[in-house]
Amino acid sequence: MGWLEAFRLRSAAIAYGRKLPNHLARAYGRGGTYTPGQVRTAVDALRLDPRFVALALAAYLDEADYQALLGDMALPLDYGEARATFRRHLPRRPASASAGDDSWGPYATGDHSGDGAGHH
């Protein structure tokens, strides 16, 4: 990947991380599972760059479901790389958020180690 595509990926990851977790929680409920269709609908509704939908799909699907969708992605990314990129660009959880506030999506606890289980 060249420097321009890496820059675009980083920019997309920032936008996805800022907007997607809260939108999914509001639209489909907190702590629930999200389907590929729900994730793609959210990406469209937020006007996020659809070329980088792999970031969102990797964040919210388990690896097997993600792998099944690779052929449909404009820019297929390695599952682990996509999850790590998404997590790296999530905004910090505000200090004012209560311990039980899970509005920041699957990464609300701050435990970003991920075991590949995803939020499915």
C-alpha atoms as a PDB file:
ATOM      1  CA  MET A   1       0.000   0.000   0.000  1.00  0.00           C
ATOM      2  CA  GLY A   2       1.415   3.349  -1.026  1.00  0.00           C
ATOM      3  CA  TRP A   3       1.585   6.425   1.151  1.00  0.00           C
ATOM      4  CA  LEU A   4      -1.563   7.960  -0.357  1.00  0.00           C
ATOM      5  CA  GLU A   5      -3.671   4.861   0.232  1.00  0.00           C
ATOM      6  CA  ALA A   6      -2.232   4.555   3.765  1.00  0.00           C
ATOM      7  CA  PHE A   7      -3.221   8.183   4.407  1.00  0.00           C
ATOM      8  CA  ARG A   8      -6.739   7.500   3.111  1.00  0.00           C
ATOM      9  CA  LEU A   9      -7.019   4.388   5.280  1.00  0.00           C
ATOM     10  CA  ARG A  10      -5.943   6.341   8.366  1.00  0.00           C
ATOM     11  CA  SER A  11      -8.392   9.153   7.589  1.00  0.00           C
ATOM     12  CA  ALA A  12     -11.200   6.657   7.072  1.00  0.00           C
ATOM     13  CA  ALA A  13     -10.321   4.850  10.315  1.00  0.00           C
ATOM     14  CA  ILE A  14     -10.543   8.129  12.227  1.00  0.00           C
ATOM     15  CA  ALA A  15     -13.969   8.891  10.741  1.00  0.00           C
ATOM     16  CA  TYR A  16     -15.238   5.338  11.290  1.00  0.00           C
ATOM     17  CA  GLY A  17     -13.984   5.314  14.891  1.00  0.00           C
ATOM     18  CA  ARG A  18     -15.562   8.655  15.716  1.00  0.00           C
ATOM     19  CA  LYS A  19     -18.959   8.033  14.212  1.00  0.00           C
ATOM     20  CA  LEU A  20     -19.769   4.361  13.882  1.00  0.00           C
ATOM     21  CA  PRO A  21     -19.880   2.967  17.455  1.00  0.00           C
ATOM     22  CA  ASN A  22     -22.414   5.496  18.736  1.00  0.00           C
ATOM     23  CA  HIS A  23     -24.513   5.326  15.581  1.00  0.00           C
ATOM     24  CA  LEU A  24     -24.776   1.534  15.733  1.00  0.00           C
ATOM     25  CA  ALA A  25     -25.693   1.685  19.433  1.00  0.00           C
ATOM     26  CA  ARG A  26     -28.393   4.292  18.795  1.00  0.00           C
ATOM     27  CA  ALA A  27     -29.774   2.612  15.684  1.00  0.00           C
ATOM     28  CA  TYR A  28     -29.674  -1.033  16.760  1.00  0.00           C
ATOM     29  CA  GLY A  29     -29.199  -1.032  20.520  1.00  0.00           C
ATOM     30  CA  ARG A  30     -26.257  -1.309  22.843  1.00  0.00           C
ATOM     31  CA  GLY A  31     -24.683  -4.636  23.551  1.00  0.00           C
ATOM     32  CA  GLY A  32     -26.548  -6.264  20.687  1.00  0.00           C
ATOM     33  CA  THR A  33     -25.096  -7.951  17.694  1.00  0.00           C
ATOM     34  CA  TYR A  34     -24.807  -6.226  14.344  1.00  0.00           C
ATOM     35  CA  THR A  35     -25.252  -7.897  10.992  1.00  0.00           C
ATOM     36  CA  PRO A  36     -23.165  -7.050   7.935  1.00  0.00           C
ATOM     37  CA  GLY A  37     -26.265  -5.328   6.549  1.00  0.00           C
ATOM     38  CA  GLN A  38     -26.655  -3.148   9.633  1.00  0.00           C
ATOM     39  CA  VAL A  39     -22.977  -2.206   9.542  1.00  0.00           C
ATOM     40  CA  ARG A  40     -23.150  -1.322   5.838  1.00  0.00           C
ATOM     41  CA  THR A  41     -26.377   0.646   6.355  1.00  0.00           C
ATOM     42  CA  ALA A  42     -24.696   2.630   9.130  1.00  0.00           C
ATOM     43  CA  VAL A  43     -21.667   3.306   6.922  1.00  0.00           C
ATOM     44  CA  ASP A  44     -24.000   4.614   4.203  1.00  0.00           C
ATOM     45  CA  ALA A  45     -26.100   6.689   6.633  1.00  0.00           C
ATOM     46  CA  LEU A  46     -22.976   8.309   8.068  1.00  0.00           C
ATOM     47  CA  ARG A  47     -21.571   8.899   4.582  1.00  0.00           C
ATOM     48  CA  LEU A  48     -18.355   7.127   5.483  1.00  0.00           C
ATOM     49  CA  ASP A  49     -16.108   6.096   2.612  1.00  0.00           C
ATOM     50  CA  PRO A  50     -17.484   2.660   1.617  1.00  0.00           C
ATOM     51  CA  ARG A  51     -14.119   1.565   0.211  1.00  0.00           C
ATOM     52  CA  PHE A  52     -12.996   1.101   3.798  1.00  0.00           C
ATOM     53  CA  VAL A  53     -16.006  -0.876   5.073  1.00  0.00           C
ATOM     54  CA  ALA A  54     -13.533  -3.643   5.991  1.00  0.00           C
ATOM     55  CA  LEU A  55     -12.638  -1.577   9.070  1.00  0.00           C
ATOM     56  CA  ALA A  56     -16.215  -1.690  10.344  1.00  0.00           C
ATOM     57  CA  LEU A  57     -16.896  -5.276   9.355  1.00  0.00           C
ATOM     58  CA  ALA A  58     -13.745  -6.499  11.090  1.00  0.00           C
ATOM     59  CA  ALA A  59     -14.646  -4.519  14.220  1.00  0.00           C
ATOM     60  CA  TYR A  60     -18.156  -5.915  14.517  1.00  0.00           C
ATOM     61  CA  LEU A  61     -18.027  -9.397  12.986  1.00  0.00           C
ATOM     62  CA  ASP A  62     -16.190 -12.513  14.003  1.00  0.00           C
ATOM     63  CA  GLU A  63     -13.354 -13.614  11.766  1.00  0.00           C
ATOM     64  CA  ALA A  64     -15.268 -16.376   9.955  1.00  0.00           C
ATOM     65  CA  ASP A  65     -18.103 -14.023   8.993  1.00  0.00           C
ATOM     66  CA  TYR A  66     -15.587 -11.373   7.936  1.00  0.00           C
ATOM     67  CA  GLN A  67     -13.659 -13.826   5.759  1.00  0.00           C
ATOM     68  CA  ALA A  68     -16.890 -14.829   3.996  1.00  0.00           C
ATOM     69  CA  LEU A  69     -17.379 -11.194   2.899  1.00  0.00           C
ATOM     70  CA  LEU A  70     -13.854 -10.469   1.636  1.00  0.00           C
ATOM     71  CA  GLY A  71     -14.859 -10.885  -2.014  1.00  0.00           C
ATOM     72  CA  ASP A  72     -17.464  -8.108  -1.667  1.00  0.00           C
ATOM     73  CA  MET A  73     -15.022  -5.508  -0.333  1.00  0.00           C
ATOM     74  CA  ALA A  74     -13.445  -2.823  -2.485  1.00  0.00           C
ATOM     75  CA  LEU A  75     -10.356  -2.896  -0.273  1.00  0.00           C
ATOM     76  CA  PRO A  76     -10.112  -6.236   1.521  1.00  0.00           C
ATOM     77  CA  LEU A  77      -7.874  -5.969   4.556  1.00  0.00           C
ATOM     78  CA  ASP A  78      -6.418  -8.628   6.803  1.00  0.00           C
ATOM     79  CA  TYR A  79      -8.901  -9.187   9.653  1.00  0.00           C
ATOM     80  CA  GLY A  80      -6.411  -8.510  12.444  1.00  0.00           C
ATOM     81  CA  GLU A  81      -4.974  -5.470  10.678  1.00  0.00           C
ATOM     82  CA  ALA A  82      -8.434  -4.003  10.074  1.00  0.00           C
ATOM     83  CA  ARG A  83      -9.490  -4.534  13.716  1.00  0.00           C
ATOM     84  CA  ALA A  84      -6.268  -3.041  15.027  1.00  0.00           C
ATOM     85  CA  THR A  85      -6.552  -0.028  12.719  1.00  0.00           C
ATOM     86  CA  PHE A  86     -10.153   0.598  13.791  1.00  0.00           C
ATOM     87  CA  ARG A  87      -9.291   0.302  17.496  1.00  0.00           C
ATOM     88  CA  ARG A  88      -6.256   2.541  17.178  1.00  0.00           C
ATOM     89  CA  HIS A  89      -8.410   5.373  15.871  1.00  0.00           C
ATOM     90  CA  LEU A  90     -11.282   5.218  18.330  1.00  0.00           C
ATOM     91  CA  PRO A  91     -11.593   8.416  20.340  1.00  0.00           C
ATOM     92  CA  ARG A  92     -10.672   8.165  23.986  1.00  0.00           C
ATOM     93  CA  ARG A  93     -13.594   7.455  26.245  1.00  0.00           C
ATOM     94  CA  PRO A  94     -14.496  10.678  28.037  1.00  0.00           C
ATOM     95  CA  ALA A  95     -13.643  10.776  31.736  1.00  0.00           C
ATOM     96  CA  SER A  96     -17.202  11.898  32.426  1.00  0.00           C
ATOM     97  CA  ALA A  97     -18.612   8.601  31.118  1.00  0.00           C
ATOM     98  CA  SER A  98     -19.880   6.317  33.837  1.00  0.00           C
ATOM     99  CA  ALA A  99     -18.442   2.850  34.262  1.00  0.00           C
ATOM    100  CA  GLY A 100     -21.669   1.325  32.938  1.00  0.00           C
ATOM    101  CA  ASP A 101     -21.866   3.554  29.871  1.00  0.00           C
ATOM    102  CA  ASP A 102     -21.365   1.294  26.868  1.00  0.00           C
ATOM    103  CA  SER A 103     -22.293   3.880  24.232  1.00  0.00           C
ATOM    104  CA  TRP A 104     -18.791   3.684  22.840  1.00  0.00           C
ATOM    105  CA  GLY A 105     -19.542   0.339  21.290  1.00  0.00           C
ATOM    106  CA  PRO A 106     -17.684  -2.946  21.668  1.00  0.00           C
ATOM    107  CA  TYR A 107     -14.544  -1.226  22.903  1.00  0.00           C
ATOM    108  CA  ALA A 108     -16.179   0.733  25.749  1.00  0.00           C
ATOM    109  CA  THR A 109     -14.327  -1.159  28.452  1.00  0.00           C
ATOM    110  CA  GLY A 110     -10.948  -0.063  27.198  1.00  0.00           C
ATOM    111  CA  ASP A 111      -9.923  -3.685  26.706  1.00  0.00           C
ATOM    112  CA  HIS A 112      -8.825  -3.590  23.103  1.00  0.00           C
ATOM    113  CA  SER A 113      -6.717  -6.728  23.184  1.00  0.00           C
ATOM    114  CA  GLY A 114      -9.360  -8.618  21.234  1.00  0.00           C
ATOM    115  CA  ASP A 115      -9.410 -12.336  21.006  1.00  0.00           C
ATOM    116  CA  GLY A 116     -10.893 -12.361  17.535  1.00  0.00           C
ATOM    117  CA  ALA A 117     -14.395 -12.841  18.882  1.00  0.00           C
ATOM    118  CA  GLY A 118     -15.624  -9.473  17.651  1.00  0.00           C
ATOM    119  CA  HIS A 119     -18.981  -7.939  18.498  1.00  0.00           C
ATOM    120  CA  HIS A 120     -21.284 -10.378  16.817  1.00  0.00           C
END
